[in-house]
PDB file of N, CA and C in Angstrom:
ATOM      1  N   UNK A   1     -18.997  13.282  -4.696  1.00  0.00           N
ATOM      2  CA  UNK A   1     -17.797  14.064  -4.450  1.00  0.00           C
ATOM      3  C   UNK A   1     -17.954  15.384  -5.190  1.00  0.00           C
ATOM      4  N   UNK A   2     -17.655  16.452  -4.480  1.00  0.00           N
ATOM      5  CA  UNK A   2     -17.749  17.767  -5.095  1.00  0.00           C
ATOM      6  C   UNK A   2     -16.479  18.073  -5.893  1.00  0.00           C
ATOM      7  N   UNK A   3     -16.559  19.109  -6.689  1.00  0.00           N
ATOM      8  CA  UNK A   3     -15.395  19.540  -7.464  1.00  0.00           C
ATOM      9  C   UNK A   3     -14.245  19.932  -6.535  1.00  0.00           C
ATOM     10  N   UNK A   4     -14.562  20.639  -5.453  1.00  0.00           N
ATOM     11  CA  UNK A   4     -13.523  21.048  -4.498  1.00  0.00           C
ATOM     12  C   UNK A   4     -12.902  19.848  -3.796  1.00  0.00           C
ATOM     13  N   UNK A   5     -13.710  18.873  -3.447  1.00  0.00           N
ATOM     14  CA  UNK A   5     -13.184  17.660  -2.806  1.00  0.00           C
ATOM     15  C   UNK A   5     -12.244  16.910  -3.755  1.00  0.00           C
ATOM     16  N   UNK A   6     -12.623  16.859  -5.023  1.00  0.00           N
ATOM     17  CA  UNK A   6     -11.769  16.198  -6.011  1.00  0.00           C
ATOM     18  C   UNK A   6     -10.429  16.925  -6.121  1.00  0.00           C
ATOM     19  N   UNK A   7     -10.495  18.247  -6.201  1.00  0.00           N
ATOM     20  CA  UNK A   7      -9.272  19.051  -6.316  1.00  0.00           C
ATOM     21  C   UNK A   7      -8.400  18.889  -5.072  1.00  0.00           C
ATOM     22  N   UNK A   8      -9.021  18.907  -3.899  1.00  0.00           N
ATOM     23  CA  UNK A   8      -8.271  18.725  -2.655  1.00  0.00           C
ATOM     24  C   UNK A   8      -7.604  17.353  -2.612  1.00  0.00           C
ATOM     25  N   UNK A   9      -8.314  16.325  -3.043  1.00  0.00           N
ATOM     26  CA  UNK A   9      -7.746  14.972  -3.056  1.00  0.00           C
ATOM     27  C   UNK A   9      -6.562  14.893  -4.014  1.00  0.00           C
ATOM     28  N   UNK A  10      -6.704  15.487  -5.187  1.00  0.00           N
ATOM     29  CA  UNK A  10      -5.597  15.475  -6.160  1.00  0.00           C
ATOM     30  C   UNK A  10      -4.381  16.175  -5.573  1.00  0.00           C
ATOM     31  N   UNK A  11      -4.603  17.313  -4.949  1.00  0.00           N
ATOM     32  CA  UNK A  11      -3.490  18.051  -4.342  1.00  0.00           C
ATOM     33  C   UNK A  11      -2.864  17.265  -3.195  1.00  0.00           C
ATOM     34  N   UNK A  12      -3.697  16.636  -2.360  1.00  0.00           N
ATOM     35  CA  UNK A  12      -3.199  15.850  -1.243  1.00  0.00           C
ATOM     36  C   UNK A  12      -2.322  14.699  -1.744  1.00  0.00           C
ATOM     37  N   UNK A  13      -2.712  14.133  -2.882  1.00  0.00           N
ATOM     38  CA  UNK A  13      -1.929  13.050  -3.488  1.00  0.00           C
ATOM     39  C   UNK A  13      -0.681  13.564  -4.198  1.00  0.00           C
ATOM     40  N   UNK A  14      -0.534  14.885  -4.240  1.00  0.00           N
ATOM     41  CA  UNK A  14       0.619  15.545  -4.864  1.00  0.00           C
ATOM     42  C   UNK A  14       0.698  15.285  -6.378  1.00  0.00           C
ATOM     43  N   UNK A  15      -0.471  15.247  -7.007  1.00  0.00           N
ATOM     44  CA  UNK A  15      -0.562  15.140  -8.463  1.00  0.00           C
ATOM     45  C   UNK A  15      -0.880  16.518  -9.018  1.00  0.00           C
ATOM     46  N   UNK A  16      -0.182  16.895 -10.055  1.00  0.00           N
ATOM     47  CA  UNK A  16      -0.586  18.079 -10.805  1.00  0.00           C
ATOM     48  C   UNK A  16      -1.757  17.653 -11.702  1.00  0.00           C
ATOM     49  N   UNK A  17      -2.536  18.613 -12.198  1.00  0.00           N
ATOM     50  CA  UNK A  17      -3.590  18.236 -13.146  1.00  0.00           C
ATOM     51  C   UNK A  17      -3.026  17.482 -14.353  1.00  0.00           C
ATOM     52  N   UNK A  18      -1.863  17.909 -14.834  1.00  0.00           N
ATOM     53  CA  UNK A  18      -1.242  17.240 -15.983  1.00  0.00           C
ATOM     54  C   UNK A  18      -0.857  15.802 -15.650  1.00  0.00           C
ATOM     55  N   UNK A  19      -0.275  15.596 -14.469  1.00  0.00           N
ATOM     56  CA  UNK A  19       0.163  14.253 -14.081  1.00  0.00           C
ATOM     57  C   UNK A  19      -1.024  13.318 -13.891  1.00  0.00           C
ATOM     58  N   UNK A  20      -2.091  13.808 -13.266  1.00  0.00           N
ATOM     59  CA  UNK A  20      -3.265  12.954 -13.074  1.00  0.00           C
ATOM     60  C   UNK A  20      -3.920  12.626 -14.405  1.00  0.00           C
ATOM     61  N   UNK A  21      -4.013  13.609 -15.272  1.00  0.00           N
ATOM     62  CA  UNK A  21      -4.584  13.372 -16.599  1.00  0.00           C
ATOM     63  C   UNK A  21      -3.774  12.315 -17.347  1.00  0.00           C
ATOM     64  N   UNK A  22      -2.464  12.413 -17.269  1.00  0.00           N
ATOM     65  CA  UNK A  22      -1.598  11.440 -17.929  1.00  0.00           C
ATOM     66  C   UNK A  22      -1.780  10.051 -17.320  1.00  0.00           C
ATOM     67  N   UNK A  23      -1.827   9.971 -15.998  1.00  0.00           N
ATOM     68  CA  UNK A  23      -2.002   8.699 -15.289  1.00  0.00           C
ATOM     69  C   UNK A  23      -3.316   8.021 -15.669  1.00  0.00           C
ATOM     70  N   UNK A  24      -4.365   8.826 -15.812  1.00  0.00           N
ATOM     71  CA  UNK A  24      -5.684   8.281 -16.093  1.00  0.00           C
ATOM     72  C   UNK A  24      -6.011   8.200 -17.578  1.00  0.00           C
ATOM     73  N   UNK A  25      -5.165   8.779 -18.408  1.00  0.00           N
ATOM     74  CA  UNK A  25      -5.420   8.722 -19.844  1.00  0.00           C
ATOM     75  C   UNK A  25      -6.562   9.616 -20.296  1.00  0.00           C
ATOM     76  N   UNK A  26      -6.703  10.760 -19.635  1.00  0.00           N
ATOM     77  CA  UNK A  26      -7.721  11.733 -20.033  1.00  0.00           C
ATOM     78  C   UNK A  26      -7.024  13.051 -20.356  1.00  0.00           C
ATOM     79  N   UNK A  27      -7.730  13.933 -20.985  1.00  0.00           N
ATOM     80  CA  UNK A  27      -7.176  15.254 -21.301  1.00  0.00           C
ATOM     81  C   UNK A  27      -7.096  16.083 -20.028  1.00  0.00           C
ATOM     82  N   UNK A  28      -6.072  16.905 -19.926  1.00  0.00           N
ATOM     83  CA  UNK A  28      -5.937  17.776 -18.757  1.00  0.00           C
ATOM     84  C   UNK A  28      -7.125  18.725 -18.665  1.00  0.00           C
ATOM     85  N   UNK A  29      -7.696  19.081 -19.790  1.00  0.00           N
ATOM     86  CA  UNK A  29      -8.880  19.951 -19.759  1.00  0.00           C
ATOM     87  C   UNK A  29     -10.055  19.262 -19.054  1.00  0.00           C
ATOM     88  N   UNK A  30     -10.113  17.945 -19.129  1.00  0.00           N
ATOM     89  CA  UNK A  30     -11.156  17.197 -18.421  1.00  0.00           C
ATOM     90  C   UNK A  30     -10.987  17.343 -16.913  1.00  0.00           C
ATOM     91  N   UNK A  31      -9.749  17.203 -16.437  1.00  0.00           N
ATOM     92  CA  UNK A  31      -9.469  17.372 -15.011  1.00  0.00           C
ATOM     93  C   UNK A  31      -9.873  18.783 -14.571  1.00  0.00           C
ATOM     94  N   UNK A  32      -9.483  19.778 -15.366  1.00  0.00           N
ATOM     95  CA  UNK A  32      -9.830  21.165 -15.030  1.00  0.00           C
ATOM     96  C   UNK A  32     -11.342  21.365 -14.994  1.00  0.00           C
ATOM     97  N   UNK A  33     -12.071  20.786 -15.921  1.00  0.00           N
ATOM     98  CA  UNK A  33     -13.536  20.930 -15.943  1.00  0.00           C
ATOM     99  C   UNK A  33     -14.168  20.296 -14.709  1.00  0.00           C
ATOM    100  N   UNK A  34     -13.665  19.115 -14.321  1.00  0.00           N
ATOM    101  CA  UNK A  34     -14.193  18.468 -13.114  1.00  0.00           C
ATOM    102  C   UNK A  34     -13.933  19.337 -11.889  1.00  0.00           C
ATOM    103  N   UNK A  35     -12.733  19.914 -11.822  1.00  0.00           N
ATOM    104  CA  UNK A  35     -12.365  20.711 -10.652  1.00  0.00           C
ATOM    105  C   UNK A  35     -13.105  22.044 -10.585  1.00  0.00           C
ATOM    106  N   UNK A  36     -13.517  22.560 -11.707  1.00  0.00           N
ATOM    107  CA  UNK A  36     -14.306  23.794 -11.727  1.00  0.00           C
ATOM    108  C   UNK A  36     -15.792  23.508 -11.559  1.00  0.00           C
ATOM    109  N   UNK A  37     -16.164  22.256 -11.691  1.00  0.00           N
ATOM    110  CA  UNK A  37     -17.573  21.903 -11.648  1.00  0.00           C
ATOM    111  C   UNK A  37     -18.284  22.190 -12.946  1.00  0.00           C
ATOM    112  N   UNK A  38     -17.510  22.463 -14.002  1.00  0.00           N
ATOM    113  CA  UNK A  38     -18.091  22.764 -15.314  1.00  0.00           C
ATOM    114  C   UNK A  38     -18.607  21.502 -15.996  1.00  0.00           C
ATOM    115  N   UNK A  39     -18.099  20.372 -15.574  1.00  0.00           N
ATOM    116  CA  UNK A  39     -18.531  19.094 -16.135  1.00  0.00           C
ATOM    117  C   UNK A  39     -18.632  18.110 -14.987  1.00  0.00           C
ATOM    118  N   UNK A  40     -19.715  17.371 -14.954  1.00  0.00           N
ATOM    119  CA  UNK A  40     -19.900  16.378 -13.905  1.00  0.00           C
ATOM    120  C   UNK A  40     -18.898  15.246 -14.103  1.00  0.00           C
ATOM    121  N   UNK A  41     -18.204  14.913 -13.026  1.00  0.00           N
ATOM    122  CA  UNK A  41     -17.241  13.819 -13.133  1.00  0.00           C
ATOM    123  C   UNK A  41     -17.983  12.490 -13.059  1.00  0.00           C
ATOM    124  N   UNK A  42     -17.507  11.502 -13.809  1.00  0.00           N
ATOM    125  CA  UNK A  42     -18.136  10.187 -13.727  1.00  0.00           C
ATOM    126  C   UNK A  42     -17.911   9.584 -12.339  1.00  0.00           C
ATOM    127  N   UNK A  43     -18.847   8.814 -11.845  1.00  0.00           N
ATOM    128  CA  UNK A  43     -18.674   8.195 -10.522  1.00  0.00           C
ATOM    129  C   UNK A  43     -17.372   7.396 -10.412  1.00  0.00           C
ATOM    130  N   UNK A  44     -16.915   6.796 -11.493  1.00  0.00           N
ATOM    131  CA  UNK A  44     -15.680   6.016 -11.440  1.00  0.00           C
ATOM    132  C   UNK A  44     -14.475   6.905 -11.140  1.00  0.00           C
ATOM    133  N   UNK A  45     -14.501   8.166 -11.563  1.00  0.00           N
ATOM    134  CA  UNK A  45     -13.400   9.085 -11.281  1.00  0.00           C
ATOM    135  C   UNK A  45     -13.365   9.418  -9.791  1.00  0.00           C
ATOM    136  N   UNK A  46     -14.525   9.662  -9.211  1.00  0.00           N
ATOM    137  CA  UNK A  46     -14.591   9.924  -7.768  1.00  0.00           C
ATOM    138  C   UNK A  46     -14.120   8.702  -6.997  1.00  0.00           C
ATOM    139  N   UNK A  47     -14.562   7.533  -7.420  1.00  0.00           N
ATOM    140  CA  UNK A  47     -14.143   6.295  -6.762  1.00  0.00           C
ATOM    141  C   UNK A  47     -12.633   6.099  -6.884  1.00  0.00           C
ATOM    142  N   UNK A  48     -12.098   6.343  -8.062  1.00  0.00           N
ATOM    143  CA  UNK A  48     -10.668   6.129  -8.298  1.00  0.00           C
ATOM    144  C   UNK A  48      -9.809   7.034  -7.428  1.00  0.00           C
ATOM    145  N   UNK A  49     -10.165   8.298  -7.326  1.00  0.00           N
ATOM    146  CA  UNK A  49      -9.330   9.209  -6.527  1.00  0.00           C
ATOM    147  C   UNK A  49      -9.459   8.895  -5.041  1.00  0.00           C
ATOM    148  N   UNK A  50     -10.656   8.460  -4.616  1.00  0.00           N
ATOM    149  CA  UNK A  50     -10.820   8.041  -3.221  1.00  0.00           C
ATOM    150  C   UNK A  50      -9.983   6.798  -2.933  1.00  0.00           C
ATOM    151  N   UNK A  51      -9.976   5.871  -3.851  1.00  0.00           N
ATOM    152  CA  UNK A  51      -9.187   4.648  -3.688  1.00  0.00           C
ATOM    153  C   UNK A  51      -7.692   4.962  -3.661  1.00  0.00           C
ATOM    154  N   UNK A  52      -7.251   5.867  -4.523  1.00  0.00           N
ATOM    155  CA  UNK A  52      -5.851   6.278  -4.518  1.00  0.00           C
ATOM    156  C   UNK A  52      -5.479   6.883  -3.165  1.00  0.00           C
ATOM    157  N   UNK A  53      -6.332   7.760  -2.642  1.00  0.00           N
ATOM    158  CA  UNK A  53      -6.058   8.404  -1.358  1.00  0.00           C
ATOM    159  C   UNK A  53      -6.060   7.378  -0.230  1.00  0.00           C
ATOM    160  N   UNK A  54      -7.004   6.454  -0.268  1.00  0.00           N
ATOM    161  CA  UNK A  54      -7.056   5.399   0.744  1.00  0.00           C
ATOM    162  C   UNK A  54      -5.774   4.572   0.728  1.00  0.00           C
ATOM    163  N   UNK A  55      -5.352   4.193  -0.451  1.00  0.00           N
ATOM    164  CA  UNK A  55      -4.146   3.370  -0.569  1.00  0.00           C
ATOM    165  C   UNK A  55      -2.910   4.096  -0.062  1.00  0.00           C
ATOM    166  N   UNK A  56      -2.783   5.364  -0.378  1.00  0.00           N
ATOM    167  CA  UNK A  56      -1.635   6.136   0.092  1.00  0.00           C
ATOM    168  C   UNK A  56      -1.710   6.283   1.612  1.00  0.00           C
ATOM    169  N   UNK A  57      -2.880   6.633   2.102  1.00  0.00           N
ATOM    170  CA  UNK A  57      -3.050   6.858   3.540  1.00  0.00           C
ATOM    171  C   UNK A  57      -2.772   5.591   4.343  1.00  0.00           C
ATOM    172  N   UNK A  58      -3.095   4.449   3.804  1.00  0.00           N
ATOM    173  CA  UNK A  58      -2.945   3.197   4.532  1.00  0.00           C
ATOM    174  C   UNK A  58      -1.704   2.405   4.139  1.00  0.00           C
ATOM    175  N   UNK A  59      -0.856   3.000   3.341  1.00  0.00           N
ATOM    176  CA  UNK A  59       0.401   2.352   2.996  1.00  0.00           C
ATOM    177  C   UNK A  59       0.242   1.107   2.144  1.00  0.00           C
ATOM    178  N   UNK A  60      -0.824   1.040   1.354  1.00  0.00           N
ATOM    179  CA  UNK A  60      -1.068  -0.154   0.557  1.00  0.00           C
ATOM    180  C   UNK A  60      -0.429  -0.103  -0.821  1.00  0.00           C
ATOM    181  N   UNK A  61       0.128   1.040  -1.173  1.00  0.00           N
ATOM    182  CA  UNK A  61       0.743   1.139  -2.496  1.00  0.00           C
ATOM    183  C   UNK A  61       2.176   0.615  -2.393  1.00  0.00           C
ATOM    184  N   UNK A  62       2.399  -0.527  -2.978  1.00  0.00           N
ATOM    185  CA  UNK A  62       3.710  -1.171  -2.911  1.00  0.00           C
ATOM    186  C   UNK A  62       4.280  -1.401  -4.303  1.00  0.00           C
ATOM    187  N   UNK A  63       3.831  -0.610  -5.244  1.00  0.00           N
ATOM    188  CA  UNK A  63       4.281  -0.807  -6.612  1.00  0.00           C
ATOM    189  C   UNK A  63       5.790  -0.657  -6.747  1.00  0.00           C
ATOM    190  N   UNK A  64       6.353   0.300  -6.044  1.00  0.00           N
ATOM    191  CA  UNK A  64       7.793   0.485  -6.134  1.00  0.00           C
ATOM    192  C   UNK A  64       8.523  -0.739  -5.604  1.00  0.00           C
ATOM    193  N   UNK A  65       8.033  -1.276  -4.503  1.00  0.00           N
ATOM    194  CA  UNK A  65       8.650  -2.461  -3.919  1.00  0.00           C
ATOM    195  C   UNK A  65       8.530  -3.655  -4.876  1.00  0.00           C
ATOM    196  N   UNK A  66       7.376  -3.779  -5.493  1.00  0.00           N
ATOM    197  CA  UNK A  66       7.173  -4.866  -6.453  1.00  0.00           C
ATOM    198  C   UNK A  66       8.132  -4.705  -7.630  1.00  0.00           C
ATOM    199  N   UNK A  67       8.275  -3.476  -8.106  1.00  0.00           N
ATOM    200  CA  UNK A  67       9.164  -3.230  -9.240  1.00  0.00           C
ATOM    201  C   UNK A  67      10.613  -3.527  -8.889  1.00  0.00           C
ATOM    202  N   UNK A  68      11.044  -3.146  -7.685  1.00  0.00           N
ATOM    203  CA  UNK A  68      12.449  -3.309  -7.330  1.00  0.00           C
ATOM    204  C   UNK A  68      12.774  -4.730  -6.894  1.00  0.00           C
ATOM    205  N   UNK A  69      11.830  -5.405  -6.241  1.00  0.00           N
ATOM    206  CA  UNK A  69      12.094  -6.750  -5.744  1.00  0.00           C
ATOM    207  C   UNK A  69      11.491  -7.837  -6.630  1.00  0.00           C
ATOM    208  N   UNK A  70      10.560  -7.445  -7.454  1.00  0.00           N
ATOM    209  CA  UNK A  70       9.943  -8.406  -8.358  1.00  0.00           C
ATOM    210  C   UNK A  70       8.957  -9.341  -7.695  1.00  0.00           C
ATOM    211  N   UNK A  71       8.552  -9.039  -6.462  1.00  0.00           N
ATOM    212  CA  UNK A  71       7.564  -9.888  -5.799  1.00  0.00           C
ATOM    213  C   UNK A  71       6.817  -9.084  -4.743  1.00  0.00           C
ATOM    214  N   UNK A  72       5.642  -9.567  -4.414  1.00  0.00           N
ATOM    215  CA  UNK A  72       4.819  -8.933  -3.407  1.00  0.00           C
ATOM    216  C   UNK A  72       5.120  -9.555  -2.055  1.00  0.00           C
ATOM    217  N   UNK A  73       5.296  -8.731  -1.047  1.00  0.00           N
ATOM    218  CA  UNK A  73       5.546  -9.256   0.307  1.00  0.00           C
ATOM    219  C   UNK A  73       4.374  -8.965   1.180  1.00  0.00           C
TER     220      UNK A  73
END
């Protein structure tokens, strides 16, 4: 995954760099470095953002439903 692809995926998911950094437990400067291509992103980061996009695109994220109903349907 290129730096631009990572940035596009983050934007498509409607995450700010700060929000994604907070979600993943990394420094926001790390997100910025990956997006500029100044630092190579670990393969797990590319996998994670692809998985997040896949889940959103396919409607598999049901965390809110689980939280509100207390069970998976």
